Amino acid sequence: MSNFEYIESALVFGLDNKTNLRSFKYVEKDFARHGDAYKFVLHHFDKYGEFASPEVLVENFPTLDKTAQSVNFEYAVEIFKDQVLQRAVVSTVQNQREMVKENPKKALANLMVGLTDIEIVYDEDVQPYDSGNLVRLEEWKQRTKKRQMGDGLMGVPTSFKSINSSGVGWMPGELIAMFARPTIGKTWMCVHAAATAVNHGIRTLLVSTEMPSVAINMRLDVVLAKMKGYNLSHRALRHGESMDEQEYSKFLEESNAQSLLICDHISGQMGISIEAIAGLVRKHNPEFVVIDGVYLISTADSKKAAWEQSHALFYGFKNLATSTNTPIMVSTQATRDASNMFTPPRADQVAFGDALIRAADVALAMCALENEDDKRLVQFQKYRDGELAKDLTIMQWAVNNGNIEELPDYEWEDF
């Protein structure tokens, strides 16, 4: 096994990008030699928004082994994991040396408990409550700082003013599920969710199982244009009708939404699978994922019963959200049982909705409003483990020009 100093130096040099920093779950006290250098890397990134160069690291910490710069980061992490485990086992055994002389039986019991605790800590499938407690303190400090800056919103901005006003948007690891009857506007809502995130500079992956990217792009154009103060017409874009060409051109030149990725197929596959989407997420590292038409996505368990496949699908996306620390929003379709277009469908009116509701952190049902084609009613049927000020809200739904927004002052006498 490589020595502590060499591997720890490799880790410090390897923490030069957000991906490595996000995946590294250890804390300063886990280092035997270079915990101070690791702490410096974190503080440098927090303060300047960029990673310290190798030259800066060597200048501040001359004991770092410069020859370790070429070591593969993933390899160094695996070796470091074993080194941390080795030190923990040795420390546990040494702590019982004196007790063995005085009370061997008690020493044995203490040793067994201690080693079991170590096994729990290094079992990747579980995590003790107090693990990373100081890290959580720092995370809270960062959240507090963010609340005091800009619009004070943590997480991904949502399509709902009432949620954003609480200071907490779609948070990392959450699964947001939205369902409605056909023609109600699930795709428009997905497009608006993606556009809202992109308009705030959040890297977003939008996967469509129902529409080609050309059709999605037209919807994105009118929604993003509205957010930026332009007025385009989806009808004109779709049918080639007359429109202000100069305004459209100016919007396209200014938008340049490089932070939005759109997928309507996966190369080499007949359809889109959850495994393929997971590959896209890990490859492109989006901060928000929106999937329109989740019911058309296949799983690796295609030979199993439909309910088992649905369970695997919904919990698969929840696990993907958790493992990648990314909020994922999915839309699905209510069944024919939800025949009333003016009533939000219930979970039992969605194919295998029980699994969906249990897997989701947030569940939204949407329906039309009678005699008001330019409105939609959204019901929050599940909202994390907390409560909203109201569980019903009305959305302005002038989709032709991209005007989709919550109406907080809507009159509720009829609801």
Protein backbone atom coordinates (compact mmCIF):
# COMPACT_ATOMS: atom_id res chain seq x y z
CA MET A 1 0.00 0.00 0.00
CA SER A 2 1.33 3.46 -0.91
CA ASN A 3 2.39 5.61 2.03
CA PHE A 4 0.01 8.08 3.62
CA GLU A 5 1.85 11.20 2.49
CA TYR A 6 1.96 10.20 -1.18
CA ILE A 7 -1.73 9.25 -1.43
CA GLU A 8 -2.90 12.25 0.56
CA SER A 9 -0.81 14.52 -1.64
CA ALA A 10 -2.45 12.93 -4.70
CA LEU A 11 -5.88 13.68 -3.24
CA VAL A 12 -5.05 17.31 -2.50
CA PHE A 13 -3.73 17.83 -6.03
CA GLY A 14 -6.69 15.89 -7.48
CA LEU A 15 -9.30 18.10 -5.86
CA ASP A 16 -9.10 20.49 -8.78
CA ASN A 17 -12.66 20.28 -10.13
CA LYS A 18 -16.24 20.25 -8.83
CA THR A 19 -16.85 16.62 -9.75
CA ASN A 20 -13.99 15.34 -7.60
CA LEU A 21 -14.84 17.72 -4.78
CA ARG A 22 -18.50 16.64 -4.79
CA SER A 23 -17.65 12.94 -4.76
CA PHE A 24 -15.06 13.19 -1.97
CA LYS A 25 -16.89 12.40 1.27
CA TYR A 26 -14.04 12.59 3.79
CA VAL A 27 -13.26 15.37 6.27
CA GLU A 28 -10.09 17.00 7.54
CA LYS A 29 -9.66 14.69 10.52
CA ASP A 30 -9.52 11.66 8.21
CA PHE A 31 -6.12 12.80 6.92
CA ALA A 32 -2.97 11.63 8.69
CA ARG A 33 -0.56 14.13 7.08
CA HIS A 34 -2.23 16.75 4.93
CA GLY A 35 -5.51 17.67 6.56
CA ASP A 36 -4.41 21.31 6.63
CA ALA A 37 -3.81 21.27 2.87
CA TYR A 38 -7.23 19.72 2.29
CA LYS A 39 -8.82 22.43 4.42
CA PHE A 40 -6.93 25.04 2.40
CA VAL A 41 -8.36 23.64 -0.86
CA LEU A 42 -11.91 23.97 0.49
CA HIS A 43 -11.43 27.48 1.82
CA HIS A 44 -9.71 28.63 -1.37
CA PHE A 45 -12.64 27.39 -3.47
CA ASP A 46 -15.22 28.92 -1.12
CA LYS A 47 -13.44 32.28 -1.13
CA TYR A 48 -12.41 32.64 -4.78
CA GLY A 49 -14.77 30.28 -6.60
CA GLU A 50 -11.84 28.46 -8.20
CA PHE A 51 -9.42 25.71 -7.24
CA ALA A 52 -5.91 26.37 -5.99
CA SER A 53 -3.25 25.62 -8.59
CA PRO A 54 -0.52 23.02 -7.86
CA GLU A 55 1.97 25.90 -7.61
CA VAL A 56 -0.10 27.63 -4.94
CA LEU A 57 -0.51 24.37 -3.02
CA VAL A 58 3.21 23.59 -3.05
CA GLU A 59 4.06 27.14 -2.06
CA ASN A 60 1.78 26.98 0.97
CA PHE A 61 2.43 23.32 1.81
CA PRO A 62 5.99 22.37 0.78
CA THR A 63 5.63 18.94 2.42
CA LEU A 64 3.22 17.84 -0.30
CA ASP A 65 4.73 15.18 -2.55
CA LYS A 66 4.89 16.87 -5.98
CA THR A 67 5.39 13.52 -7.73
CA ALA A 68 1.84 12.53 -6.75
CA GLN A 69 0.23 15.01 -9.15
CA SER A 70 -0.06 12.38 -11.88
CA VAL A 71 -1.91 9.82 -9.73
CA ASN A 72 -5.45 8.94 -10.84
CA PHE A 73 -7.88 10.56 -8.40
CA GLU A 74 -10.30 7.60 -8.20
CA TYR A 75 -7.38 5.27 -7.47
CA ALA A 76 -6.12 7.60 -4.73
CA VAL A 77 -9.58 7.69 -3.14
CA GLU A 78 -9.75 3.88 -2.99
CA ILE A 79 -6.29 3.65 -1.37
CA PHE A 80 -7.11 6.47 1.02
CA LYS A 81 -10.29 4.67 2.07
CA ASP A 82 -8.23 1.64 3.10
CA GLN A 83 -5.70 3.83 4.89
CA VAL A 84 -8.39 5.57 6.92
CA LEU A 85 -9.87 2.19 7.80
CA GLN A 86 -6.46 0.86 8.80
CA ARG A 87 -5.83 3.80 11.14
CA ALA A 88 -9.27 3.44 12.70
CA VAL A 89 -8.76 -0.28 13.41
CA VAL A 90 -5.27 0.28 14.85
CA SER A 91 -6.53 3.11 17.05
CA THR A 92 -9.43 1.01 18.35
CA VAL A 93 -7.13 -1.87 19.26
CA GLN A 94 -4.55 0.36 20.93
CA ASN A 95 -7.21 2.06 23.02
CA GLN A 96 -7.90 -1.28 24.72
CA ARG A 97 -4.29 -2.21 25.53
CA GLU A 98 -4.43 -1.09 29.14
CA MET A 99 -7.93 -2.46 29.64
CA VAL A 100 -6.76 -5.89 28.51
CA LYS A 101 -4.41 -6.00 31.51
CA GLU A 102 -7.08 -4.98 33.97
CA ASN A 103 -10.24 -6.56 32.59
CA PRO A 104 -9.78 -8.71 29.47
CA LYS A 105 -13.48 -9.50 29.20
CA LYS A 106 -14.48 -5.85 29.18
CA ALA A 107 -11.67 -5.05 26.77
CA LEU A 108 -12.95 -7.72 24.40
CA ALA A 109 -16.47 -6.33 24.59
CA ASN A 110 -15.22 -2.79 23.97
CA LEU A 111 -13.10 -4.00 21.09
CA MET A 112 -16.02 -5.80 19.46
CA VAL A 113 -18.25 -2.76 19.80
CA GLY A 114 -15.53 -0.49 18.47
CA LEU A 115 -14.82 -2.66 15.45
CA THR A 116 -18.55 -2.96 14.72
CA ASP A 117 -18.83 0.84 14.80
CA ILE A 118 -15.96 1.06 12.32
CA GLU A 119 -17.63 -1.47 10.05
CA ILE A 120 -20.81 0.61 10.05
CA VAL A 121 -18.90 3.79 9.21
CA TYR A 122 -17.18 2.17 6.24
CA ASP A 123 -20.21 0.33 4.95
CA GLU A 124 -21.10 2.37 1.86
CA ASP A 125 -24.78 1.47 2.16
CA VAL A 126 -25.34 3.13 5.54
CA GLN A 127 -24.20 6.25 7.32
CA PRO A 128 -24.13 6.98 11.05
CA TYR A 129 -26.10 10.04 12.11
CA ASP A 130 -23.13 11.99 13.49
CA SER A 131 -20.96 11.34 10.45
CA GLY A 132 -20.03 14.63 8.84
CA ASN A 133 -21.76 16.71 11.50
CA LEU A 134 -19.24 19.54 11.08
CA VAL A 135 -19.72 19.32 7.34
CA ARG A 136 -23.45 19.82 7.88
CA LEU A 137 -22.63 22.89 9.97
CA GLU A 138 -20.66 24.32 7.06
CA GLU A 139 -23.48 23.45 4.66
CA TRP A 140 -25.93 25.31 6.89
CA LYS A 141 -23.61 28.32 6.94
CA GLN A 142 -23.48 28.27 3.14
CA ARG A 143 -27.28 28.05 2.93
CA THR A 144 -27.57 30.98 5.32
CA LYS A 145 -25.16 32.99 3.21
CA LYS A 146 -27.14 32.21 0.06
CA ARG A 147 -30.38 33.29 1.73
CA GLN A 148 -28.76 36.67 2.43
CA MET A 149 -27.67 37.11 -1.19
CA GLY A 150 -29.69 37.76 -4.35
CA ASP A 151 -33.23 36.46 -4.15
CA GLY A 152 -32.38 34.35 -1.11
CA LEU A 153 -33.42 31.09 -2.78
CA MET A 154 -31.70 27.79 -2.08
CA GLY A 155 -31.86 25.02 -4.64
CA VAL A 156 -33.37 25.22 -8.13
CA PRO A 157 -35.98 27.98 -8.69
CA THR A 158 -39.43 26.52 -9.36
CA SER A 159 -42.37 27.61 -11.52
CA PHE A 160 -44.26 28.59 -8.35
CA LYS A 161 -43.82 31.95 -6.64
CA SER A 162 -45.37 30.54 -3.47
CA ILE A 163 -42.63 27.91 -3.19
CA ASN A 164 -39.80 30.26 -4.15
CA SER A 165 -40.96 32.79 -1.55
CA SER A 166 -40.29 30.17 1.15
CA GLY A 167 -36.60 30.41 0.28
CA VAL A 168 -36.30 26.74 -0.71
CA GLY A 169 -36.70 25.55 -4.29
CA TRP A 170 -36.20 22.07 -5.70
CA MET A 171 -33.40 20.68 -3.53
CA PRO A 172 -30.60 18.25 -4.46
CA GLY A 173 -31.73 14.62 -4.29
CA GLU A 174 -35.45 15.37 -4.58
CA LEU A 175 -37.87 13.65 -6.94
CA ILE A 176 -40.69 15.94 -8.11
CA ALA A 177 -43.61 14.18 -9.81
CA MET A 178 -46.31 15.91 -11.84
CA PHE A 179 -49.35 14.24 -13.41
CA ALA A 180 -52.42 15.26 -15.40
CA ARG A 181 -54.85 14.06 -18.05
CA PRO A 182 -53.76 14.29 -21.72
CA THR A 183 -53.91 17.75 -23.35
CA ILE A 184 -53.78 19.55 -19.97
CA GLY A 185 -50.21 20.74 -20.49
CA LYS A 186 -47.65 18.45 -18.85
CA THR A 187 -45.06 19.19 -21.51
CA TRP A 188 -45.54 22.93 -21.19
CA MET A 189 -45.05 22.64 -17.44
CA CYS A 190 -41.87 20.61 -17.95
CA VAL A 191 -40.60 23.17 -20.45
CA HIS A 192 -41.37 26.01 -18.04
CA ALA A 193 -39.59 24.20 -15.18
CA ALA A 194 -36.49 23.73 -17.34
CA ALA A 195 -36.62 27.30 -18.68
CA THR A 196 -36.95 28.72 -15.17
CA ALA A 197 -33.81 26.89 -14.06
CA VAL A 198 -31.85 27.81 -17.19
CA ASN A 199 -32.89 31.46 -16.88
CA HIS A 200 -31.10 31.42 -13.51
CA GLY A 201 -27.96 29.89 -15.01
CA ILE A 202 -28.61 26.36 -13.74
CA ARG A 203 -27.32 23.57 -15.99
CA THR A 204 -30.40 21.55 -16.95
CA LEU A 205 -31.07 18.30 -18.81
CA LEU A 206 -34.53 18.05 -20.40
CA VAL A 207 -35.51 14.57 -21.63
CA SER A 208 -38.61 14.21 -23.80
CA THR A 209 -40.12 10.81 -24.58
CA GLU A 210 -43.13 12.24 -26.44
CA MET A 211 -41.91 15.13 -28.57
CA PRO A 212 -38.87 15.58 -30.84
CA SER A 213 -36.31 18.19 -29.85
CA VAL A 214 -37.51 20.46 -32.71
CA ALA A 215 -40.96 20.76 -31.08
CA ILE A 216 -39.46 21.20 -27.61
CA ASN A 217 -37.17 23.96 -28.90
CA MET A 218 -40.13 25.96 -30.21
CA ARG A 219 -41.83 25.82 -26.83
CA LEU A 220 -38.61 26.75 -25.08
CA ASP A 221 -38.19 29.72 -27.41
CA VAL A 222 -41.52 31.31 -26.47
CA VAL A 223 -41.17 30.58 -22.73
CA LEU A 224 -37.57 31.79 -22.42
CA ALA A 225 -38.36 34.78 -24.63
CA LYS A 226 -41.22 35.78 -22.31
CA MET A 227 -38.91 35.52 -19.31
CA LYS A 228 -36.43 37.83 -21.05
CA GLY A 229 -39.02 40.41 -22.10
CA TYR A 230 -39.70 39.32 -25.67
CA ASN A 231 -43.06 38.38 -27.18
CA LEU A 232 -43.01 35.44 -29.56
CA SER A 233 -45.84 33.25 -30.82
CA HIS A 234 -45.71 29.49 -30.59
CA ARG A 235 -48.44 29.29 -33.22
CA ALA A 236 -46.38 31.42 -35.60
CA LEU A 237 -43.24 29.38 -34.99
CA ARG A 238 -45.06 26.10 -35.51
CA HIS A 239 -47.09 27.04 -38.59
CA GLY A 240 -44.69 29.48 -40.22
CA GLU A 241 -47.00 32.45 -39.73
CA SER A 242 -45.90 36.07 -39.81
CA MET A 243 -43.91 37.24 -36.78
CA ASP A 244 -41.40 39.96 -35.86
CA GLU A 245 -38.30 38.40 -37.40
CA GLN A 246 -35.97 41.01 -35.90
CA GLU A 247 -37.25 40.37 -32.37
CA TYR A 248 -36.89 36.59 -32.80
CA SER A 249 -33.38 36.99 -34.15
CA LYS A 250 -32.38 39.30 -31.30
CA PHE A 251 -33.74 36.85 -28.72
CA LEU A 252 -31.86 33.92 -30.25
CA GLU A 253 -28.62 35.90 -30.32
CA GLU A 254 -28.98 36.93 -26.67
CA SER A 255 -30.29 33.65 -25.25
CA ASN A 256 -27.37 31.33 -26.11
CA ALA A 257 -28.60 28.90 -23.43
CA GLN A 258 -25.54 26.66 -23.28
CA SER A 259 -26.69 25.46 -19.87
CA LEU A 260 -29.69 23.62 -21.39
CA LEU A 261 -29.29 20.10 -22.79
CA ILE A 262 -32.19 18.46 -24.65
CA CYS A 263 -32.56 14.73 -25.33
CA ASP A 264 -35.33 13.08 -27.36
CA HIS A 265 -33.55 9.77 -27.96
CA ILE A 266 -30.54 7.74 -26.81
CA SER A 267 -28.17 6.65 -29.57
CA GLY A 268 -28.31 2.95 -30.39
CA GLN A 269 -31.55 2.33 -28.48
CA MET A 270 -35.09 1.75 -29.67
CA GLY A 271 -36.39 3.81 -26.77
CA ILE A 272 -35.17 5.70 -23.73
CA SER A 273 -34.29 3.71 -20.62
CA ILE A 274 -33.66 4.77 -17.05
CA GLU A 275 -30.17 3.27 -17.28
CA ALA A 276 -29.39 5.42 -20.33
CA ILE A 277 -30.68 8.56 -18.59
CA ALA A 278 -28.50 7.74 -15.59
CA GLY A 279 -25.55 7.58 -17.97
CA LEU A 280 -26.42 11.02 -19.38
CA VAL A 281 -26.68 12.49 -15.88
CA ARG A 282 -23.30 11.13 -14.83
CA LYS A 283 -21.71 12.16 -18.12
CA HIS A 284 -23.01 15.74 -18.34
CA ASN A 285 -23.41 16.49 -14.61
CA PRO A 286 -26.57 18.65 -14.80
CA GLU A 287 -27.81 20.52 -11.75
CA PHE A 288 -31.46 19.82 -12.61
CA VAL A 289 -33.11 17.07 -14.66
CA VAL A 290 -36.62 17.25 -16.19
CA ILE A 291 -38.18 14.15 -17.78
CA ASP A 292 -41.39 14.57 -19.75
CA GLY A 293 -43.38 11.34 -20.15
CA VAL A 294 -41.74 9.08 -17.61
CA TYR A 295 -44.32 6.35 -18.28
CA LEU A 296 -42.70 5.72 -21.69
CA ILE A 297 -39.30 5.01 -20.20
CA SER A 298 -38.17 1.40 -20.01
CA THR A 299 -36.27 -0.39 -17.26
CA ALA A 300 -33.90 -3.32 -17.18
CA ASP A 301 -36.72 -5.40 -15.66
CA SER A 302 -38.83 -5.60 -18.83
CA LYS A 303 -39.73 -9.24 -18.16
CA LYS A 304 -41.23 -8.49 -14.77
CA ALA A 305 -44.85 -7.63 -14.02
CA ALA A 306 -45.97 -4.10 -14.89
CA TRP A 307 -46.30 -3.04 -11.25
CA GLU A 308 -42.77 -4.26 -10.53
CA GLN A 309 -41.43 -2.32 -13.52
CA SER A 310 -43.21 0.84 -12.37
CA HIS A 311 -41.85 0.41 -8.87
CA ALA A 312 -38.35 -0.01 -10.30
CA LEU A 313 -38.86 3.04 -12.52
CA PHE A 314 -40.05 5.50 -9.89
CA TYR A 315 -37.65 4.35 -7.18
CA GLY A 316 -34.92 4.16 -9.81
CA PHE A 317 -35.30 7.87 -10.49
CA LYS A 318 -35.44 8.63 -6.77
CA ASN A 319 -32.20 6.67 -6.26
CA LEU A 320 -30.64 8.48 -9.22
CA ALA A 321 -31.61 11.84 -7.72
CA THR A 322 -30.14 10.84 -4.37
CA SER A 323 -26.94 9.27 -5.67
CA THR A 324 -26.13 12.19 -7.98
CA ASN A 325 -27.40 14.84 -5.55
CA THR A 326 -29.60 16.25 -8.31
CA PRO A 327 -33.28 17.29 -8.23
CA ILE A 328 -35.24 15.36 -10.86
CA MET A 329 -38.71 16.34 -12.08
CA VAL A 330 -40.82 13.78 -13.95
CA SER A 331 -44.24 14.00 -15.58
CA THR A 332 -46.66 11.16 -16.09
CA GLN A 333 -50.20 10.69 -17.37
CA ALA A 334 -53.42 10.10 -15.46
CA THR A 335 -55.56 7.16 -16.55
CA ARG A 336 -59.05 7.26 -18.05
CA ASP A 337 -60.46 6.98 -14.54
CA ALA A 338 -59.62 10.67 -14.18
CA SER A 339 -62.37 11.56 -16.64
CA ASN A 340 -63.15 14.98 -15.17
CA MET A 341 -60.79 17.45 -16.89
CA PHE A 342 -61.61 20.08 -14.25
CA THR A 343 -60.63 18.06 -11.18
CA PRO A 344 -57.02 17.29 -10.22
CA PRO A 345 -56.43 13.55 -10.70
CA ARG A 346 -55.76 11.52 -7.58
CA ALA A 347 -52.76 9.26 -7.13
CA ASP A 348 -54.95 6.19 -7.62
CA GLN A 349 -55.93 7.61 -11.04
CA VAL A 350 -52.33 7.44 -12.21
CA ALA A 351 -50.87 4.18 -13.45
CA PHE A 352 -49.15 2.68 -10.41
CA GLY A 353 -49.51 6.02 -8.67
CA ASP A 354 -48.95 4.50 -5.24
CA ALA A 355 -45.31 3.80 -6.05
CA LEU A 356 -44.97 7.24 -7.59
CA ILE A 357 -46.35 9.03 -4.54
CA ARG A 358 -44.18 7.02 -2.15
CA ALA A 359 -41.02 7.61 -4.16
CA ALA A 360 -41.63 11.33 -4.77
CA ASP A 361 -40.72 14.13 -2.39
CA VAL A 362 -43.16 16.47 -4.13
CA ALA A 363 -46.27 15.42 -6.08
CA LEU A 364 -48.29 17.85 -8.23
CA ALA A 365 -51.61 17.19 -9.95
CA MET A 366 -52.83 19.56 -12.65
CA CYS A 367 -56.20 20.12 -14.30
CA ALA A 368 -58.04 22.68 -16.45
CA LEU A 369 -60.42 25.35 -15.18
CA GLU A 370 -63.94 25.30 -16.57
CA ASN A 371 -64.66 28.25 -18.90
CA GLU A 372 -61.10 29.56 -18.43
CA ASP A 373 -58.86 28.06 -21.07
CA ASP A 374 -55.99 30.37 -20.10
CA LYS A 375 -55.75 28.99 -16.55
CA ARG A 376 -54.63 25.76 -14.93
CA LEU A 377 -55.19 24.53 -11.39
CA VAL A 378 -52.29 22.80 -9.63
CA GLN A 379 -52.78 20.77 -6.47
CA PHE A 380 -49.85 19.87 -4.22
CA GLN A 381 -50.72 16.35 -3.09
CA LYS A 382 -47.38 15.83 -1.37
CA TYR A 383 -44.73 18.34 -0.36
CA ARG A 384 -41.65 16.89 1.30
CA ASP A 385 -42.24 16.48 5.02
CA GLY A 386 -43.51 20.01 5.47
CA GLU A 387 -46.50 22.10 4.54
CA LEU A 388 -47.25 24.91 2.13
CA ALA A 389 -49.40 27.91 2.90
CA LYS A 390 -51.93 26.49 0.42
CA ASP A 391 -52.28 23.18 -1.39
CA LEU A 392 -54.04 24.65 -4.47
CA THR A 393 -52.78 27.32 -6.81
CA ILE A 394 -53.77 28.80 -10.16
CA MET A 395 -51.39 29.21 -13.08
CA GLN A 396 -51.73 31.74 -15.88
CA TRP A 397 -51.66 29.53 -18.98
CA ALA A 398 -51.24 31.75 -22.04
CA VAL A 399 -48.88 29.25 -23.60
CA ASN A 400 -48.94 30.69 -27.11
CA ASN A 401 -46.75 33.58 -25.98
CA GLY A 402 -45.05 31.66 -23.15
CA ASN A 403 -46.86 33.46 -20.35
CA ILE A 404 -46.95 30.75 -17.66
CA GLU A 405 -46.90 31.96 -14.08
CA GLU A 406 -48.57 31.47 -10.72
CA LEU A 407 -51.35 33.89 -9.85
CA PRO A 408 -51.05 34.39 -6.09
CA ASP A 409 -53.99 36.82 -5.85
CA TYR A 410 -56.48 34.70 -7.74
CA GLU A 411 -60.01 34.77 -6.35
CA TRP A 412 -60.83 31.42 -4.66
CA GLU A 413 -64.56 31.75 -4.05
CA ASP A 414 -65.35 28.94 -6.47
CA PHE A 415 -62.82 26.43 -5.13
